[in-house]
């Protein structure tokens, strides 16, 4: 049996706790969102093509579009300084 001891890194623990709190806050915000019981179109994935398709569909005010994205968070420093792309 090993006597290996794993000490926790307080800085990593703080970052992990902060991330967990942001996830909880985001989930509460999403749960509070009023989703419609019916959508005319559901677009899965907001990558380069999904976002264009969803935007074009949403230009029609008579159409209800739901855009689903399961990707990771953009809560990273490298994303905060970038400019949005013009469509």
N, C-alpha and C. Protein backbone atom coordinates (compact mmCIF):
# COMPACT_ATOMS: atom_id res chain seq x y z
N UNK A 1 0.84 -1.17 0.00
CA UNK A 1 0.00 0.00 0.00
C UNK A 1 0.89 1.23 0.00
N UNK A 2 0.55 2.22 -0.77
CA UNK A 2 1.36 3.41 -0.95
C UNK A 2 1.10 4.42 0.16
N UNK A 3 2.17 5.14 0.53
CA UNK A 3 2.04 6.23 1.48
C UNK A 3 1.96 7.58 0.76
N UNK A 4 1.62 7.56 -0.53
CA UNK A 4 1.57 8.80 -1.30
C UNK A 4 0.56 9.75 -0.68
N UNK A 5 0.99 11.01 -0.57
CA UNK A 5 0.12 12.02 0.02
C UNK A 5 -0.14 13.09 -1.04
N UNK A 6 -1.38 13.42 -1.23
CA UNK A 6 -1.75 14.42 -2.21
C UNK A 6 -2.26 15.66 -1.49
N UNK A 7 -1.44 16.70 -1.53
CA UNK A 7 -1.84 17.96 -0.92
C UNK A 7 -2.66 18.75 -1.93
N UNK A 8 -3.70 19.39 -1.46
CA UNK A 8 -4.51 20.19 -2.38
C UNK A 8 -3.81 21.53 -2.60
N UNK A 9 -4.05 22.09 -3.75
CA UNK A 9 -3.51 23.39 -4.14
C UNK A 9 -4.58 24.43 -3.82
N UNK A 10 -4.35 25.31 -2.84
CA UNK A 10 -5.38 26.29 -2.46
C UNK A 10 -5.82 27.18 -3.62
N UNK A 11 -4.88 27.55 -4.50
CA UNK A 11 -5.23 28.40 -5.64
C UNK A 11 -6.17 27.65 -6.59
N UNK A 12 -5.85 26.38 -6.85
CA UNK A 12 -6.70 25.55 -7.72
C UNK A 12 -8.07 25.34 -7.07
N UNK A 13 -8.09 25.13 -5.75
CA UNK A 13 -9.36 24.94 -5.05
C UNK A 13 -10.23 26.19 -5.17
N UNK A 14 -9.61 27.37 -5.09
CA UNK A 14 -10.36 28.63 -5.21
C UNK A 14 -10.93 28.78 -6.61
N UNK A 15 -10.11 28.46 -7.63
CA UNK A 15 -10.59 28.55 -9.01
C UNK A 15 -11.73 27.57 -9.25
N UNK A 16 -11.60 26.37 -8.72
CA UNK A 16 -12.64 25.35 -8.90
C UNK A 16 -13.93 25.79 -8.22
N UNK A 17 -13.82 26.34 -7.02
CA UNK A 17 -15.02 26.81 -6.30
C UNK A 17 -15.66 27.96 -7.05
N UNK A 18 -14.84 28.87 -7.60
CA UNK A 18 -15.38 29.99 -8.37
C UNK A 18 -16.10 29.52 -9.62
N UNK A 19 -15.51 28.54 -10.30
CA UNK A 19 -16.14 27.98 -11.49
C UNK A 19 -17.46 27.31 -11.14
N UNK A 20 -17.47 26.54 -10.06
CA UNK A 20 -18.70 25.86 -9.64
C UNK A 20 -19.80 26.87 -9.33
N UNK A 21 -19.44 27.99 -8.71
CA UNK A 21 -20.44 29.01 -8.40
C UNK A 21 -20.98 29.66 -9.66
N UNK A 22 -20.10 29.92 -10.66
CA UNK A 22 -20.56 30.48 -11.92
C UNK A 22 -21.49 29.51 -12.65
N UNK A 23 -21.19 28.22 -12.57
CA UNK A 23 -22.06 27.21 -13.20
C UNK A 23 -23.42 27.21 -12.53
N UNK A 24 -23.44 27.24 -11.20
CA UNK A 24 -24.72 27.27 -10.47
C UNK A 24 -25.54 28.51 -10.84
N UNK A 25 -24.89 29.67 -10.89
CA UNK A 25 -25.60 30.91 -11.23
C UNK A 25 -26.14 30.84 -12.65
N UNK A 26 -25.35 30.30 -13.58
CA UNK A 26 -25.80 30.18 -14.96
C UNK A 26 -26.99 29.23 -15.07
N UNK A 27 -26.95 28.11 -14.35
CA UNK A 27 -28.06 27.16 -14.39
C UNK A 27 -29.33 27.78 -13.82
N UNK A 28 -29.20 28.57 -12.76
CA UNK A 28 -30.38 29.24 -12.19
C UNK A 28 -30.96 30.23 -13.18
N UNK A 29 -30.09 30.96 -13.88
CA UNK A 29 -30.55 31.92 -14.87
C UNK A 29 -31.27 31.20 -16.01
N UNK A 30 -30.72 30.08 -16.45
CA UNK A 30 -31.34 29.34 -17.55
C UNK A 30 -32.66 28.71 -17.12
N UNK A 31 -32.72 28.25 -15.89
CA UNK A 31 -33.96 27.65 -15.38
C UNK A 31 -35.05 28.70 -15.29
N UNK A 32 -34.67 29.93 -14.97
CA UNK A 32 -35.65 31.01 -14.83
C UNK A 32 -36.10 31.54 -16.19
N UNK A 33 -35.39 31.20 -17.26
CA UNK A 33 -35.76 31.68 -18.60
C UNK A 33 -37.11 31.09 -18.99
N UNK A 34 -37.86 31.90 -19.68
CA UNK A 34 -39.17 31.43 -20.11
C UNK A 34 -39.05 30.80 -21.49
N UNK A 35 -39.00 29.48 -21.51
CA UNK A 35 -38.95 28.77 -22.78
C UNK A 35 -40.37 28.58 -23.29
N UNK A 36 -40.51 28.64 -24.58
CA UNK A 36 -41.82 28.46 -25.19
C UNK A 36 -42.14 26.97 -25.29
N UNK A 37 -43.41 26.62 -25.27
CA UNK A 37 -43.77 25.19 -25.40
C UNK A 37 -43.64 24.68 -26.84
N UNK A 38 -43.48 25.61 -27.80
CA UNK A 38 -43.44 25.21 -29.22
C UNK A 38 -42.46 26.11 -29.97
N UNK A 39 -41.67 25.52 -30.85
CA UNK A 39 -40.76 26.28 -31.71
C UNK A 39 -40.97 25.82 -33.14
N UNK A 40 -40.86 26.75 -34.08
CA UNK A 40 -40.99 26.40 -35.48
C UNK A 40 -39.73 25.70 -35.99
N UNK A 41 -38.58 26.13 -35.46
CA UNK A 41 -37.31 25.53 -35.85
C UNK A 41 -36.44 25.36 -34.61
N UNK A 42 -35.74 24.24 -34.55
CA UNK A 42 -34.74 24.02 -33.51
C UNK A 42 -33.42 23.76 -34.23
N UNK A 43 -32.45 24.63 -33.95
CA UNK A 43 -31.13 24.50 -34.56
C UNK A 43 -30.18 23.94 -33.50
N UNK A 44 -29.55 22.83 -33.80
CA UNK A 44 -28.63 22.20 -32.85
C UNK A 44 -27.20 22.56 -33.22
N UNK A 45 -26.55 23.29 -32.34
CA UNK A 45 -25.17 23.69 -32.55
C UNK A 45 -25.07 25.10 -33.06
N UNK A 46 -24.28 25.91 -32.37
CA UNK A 46 -24.13 27.31 -32.79
C UNK A 46 -22.74 27.56 -33.36
N UNK A 47 -22.24 26.57 -34.07
CA UNK A 47 -20.97 26.76 -34.76
C UNK A 47 -21.16 27.70 -35.94
N UNK A 48 -20.21 27.69 -36.85
CA UNK A 48 -20.26 28.65 -37.95
C UNK A 48 -21.52 28.52 -38.79
N UNK A 49 -21.96 27.32 -39.07
CA UNK A 49 -23.17 27.18 -39.89
C UNK A 49 -24.45 27.29 -39.06
N UNK A 50 -24.46 26.71 -37.86
CA UNK A 50 -25.66 26.77 -37.02
C UNK A 50 -26.06 28.17 -36.65
N UNK A 51 -25.08 29.01 -36.34
CA UNK A 51 -25.40 30.39 -35.96
C UNK A 51 -25.94 31.18 -37.15
N UNK A 52 -25.42 30.92 -38.33
CA UNK A 52 -25.92 31.60 -39.53
C UNK A 52 -27.35 31.16 -39.83
N UNK A 53 -27.59 29.87 -39.76
CA UNK A 53 -28.94 29.35 -40.01
C UNK A 53 -29.94 29.93 -39.01
N UNK A 54 -29.58 29.92 -37.72
CA UNK A 54 -30.48 30.43 -36.69
C UNK A 54 -30.76 31.92 -36.89
N UNK A 55 -29.72 32.68 -37.25
CA UNK A 55 -29.92 34.11 -37.46
C UNK A 55 -30.85 34.36 -38.64
N UNK A 56 -30.61 33.65 -39.73
CA UNK A 56 -31.47 33.85 -40.92
C UNK A 56 -32.92 33.49 -40.62
N UNK A 57 -33.13 32.40 -39.90
CA UNK A 57 -34.49 32.01 -39.55
C UNK A 57 -35.13 33.05 -38.62
N UNK A 58 -34.36 33.56 -37.68
CA UNK A 58 -34.89 34.50 -36.68
C UNK A 58 -35.17 35.89 -37.27
N UNK A 59 -34.71 36.15 -38.47
CA UNK A 59 -35.02 37.44 -39.10
C UNK A 59 -36.52 37.58 -39.36
N UNK A 60 -37.20 36.47 -39.49
CA UNK A 60 -38.65 36.48 -39.67
C UNK A 60 -39.29 36.54 -38.29
N UNK A 61 -39.93 37.65 -37.96
CA UNK A 61 -40.50 37.84 -36.62
C UNK A 61 -41.67 36.89 -36.32
N UNK A 62 -42.21 36.25 -37.35
CA UNK A 62 -43.32 35.32 -37.14
C UNK A 62 -42.85 33.90 -36.84
N UNK A 63 -41.54 33.70 -36.79
CA UNK A 63 -40.98 32.37 -36.59
C UNK A 63 -40.30 32.31 -35.22
N UNK A 64 -40.53 31.23 -34.48
CA UNK A 64 -39.87 31.00 -33.20
C UNK A 64 -38.73 30.02 -33.42
N UNK A 65 -37.51 30.45 -33.06
CA UNK A 65 -36.31 29.64 -33.27
C UNK A 65 -35.65 29.37 -31.92
N UNK A 66 -35.28 28.13 -31.69
CA UNK A 66 -34.52 27.75 -30.51
C UNK A 66 -33.16 27.29 -30.98
N UNK A 67 -32.11 27.90 -30.44
CA UNK A 67 -30.73 27.53 -30.78
C UNK A 67 -30.14 26.82 -29.57
N UNK A 68 -29.78 25.56 -29.75
CA UNK A 68 -29.20 24.77 -28.66
C UNK A 68 -27.69 24.65 -28.86
N UNK A 69 -26.96 24.84 -27.79
CA UNK A 69 -25.50 24.69 -27.84
C UNK A 69 -25.05 23.96 -26.58
N UNK A 70 -24.30 22.91 -26.75
CA UNK A 70 -23.82 22.13 -25.62
C UNK A 70 -22.33 22.32 -25.40
N UNK A 71 -21.74 23.26 -26.11
CA UNK A 71 -20.30 23.47 -26.00
C UNK A 71 -19.92 24.08 -24.66
N UNK A 72 -18.64 24.24 -24.47
CA UNK A 72 -18.11 24.79 -23.24
C UNK A 72 -18.39 26.27 -23.11
N UNK A 73 -18.04 26.79 -21.98
CA UNK A 73 -18.24 28.19 -21.67
C UNK A 73 -17.21 29.05 -22.39
N UNK A 74 -17.56 30.28 -22.67
CA UNK A 74 -16.58 31.22 -23.22
C UNK A 74 -16.02 32.09 -22.10
N UNK A 75 -16.15 31.62 -20.87
CA UNK A 75 -15.68 32.35 -19.70
C UNK A 75 -14.17 32.14 -19.54
N UNK A 76 -13.43 32.55 -20.56
CA UNK A 76 -11.98 32.42 -20.54
C UNK A 76 -11.38 33.76 -20.95
N UNK A 77 -10.26 34.15 -20.36
CA UNK A 77 -9.67 35.45 -20.67
C UNK A 77 -9.42 35.67 -22.16
N UNK A 78 -9.04 34.64 -22.90
CA UNK A 78 -8.75 34.84 -24.32
C UNK A 78 -9.99 35.22 -25.12
N UNK A 79 -11.21 34.95 -24.60
CA UNK A 79 -12.45 35.28 -25.30
C UNK A 79 -12.93 36.69 -24.98
N UNK A 80 -12.51 37.24 -23.87
CA UNK A 80 -13.06 38.51 -23.42
C UNK A 80 -12.56 39.71 -24.22
N UNK A 81 -11.40 39.62 -24.84
CA UNK A 81 -10.87 40.75 -25.56
C UNK A 81 -11.15 40.72 -27.05
N UNK A 82 -11.79 39.67 -27.53
CA UNK A 82 -12.00 39.55 -28.97
C UNK A 82 -13.20 40.35 -29.42
N UNK A 83 -13.17 40.76 -30.67
CA UNK A 83 -14.29 41.48 -31.27
C UNK A 83 -15.28 40.51 -31.86
N UNK A 84 -16.58 40.79 -31.78
CA UNK A 84 -17.57 39.91 -32.40
C UNK A 84 -17.47 40.00 -33.92
N UNK A 85 -17.75 38.89 -34.57
CA UNK A 85 -17.73 38.87 -36.03
C UNK A 85 -19.01 39.48 -36.58
N UNK A 86 -18.89 40.24 -37.63
CA UNK A 86 -20.06 40.81 -38.31
C UNK A 86 -20.61 39.77 -39.27
N UNK A 87 -21.91 39.62 -39.29
CA UNK A 87 -22.53 38.66 -40.20
C UNK A 87 -23.08 39.37 -41.41
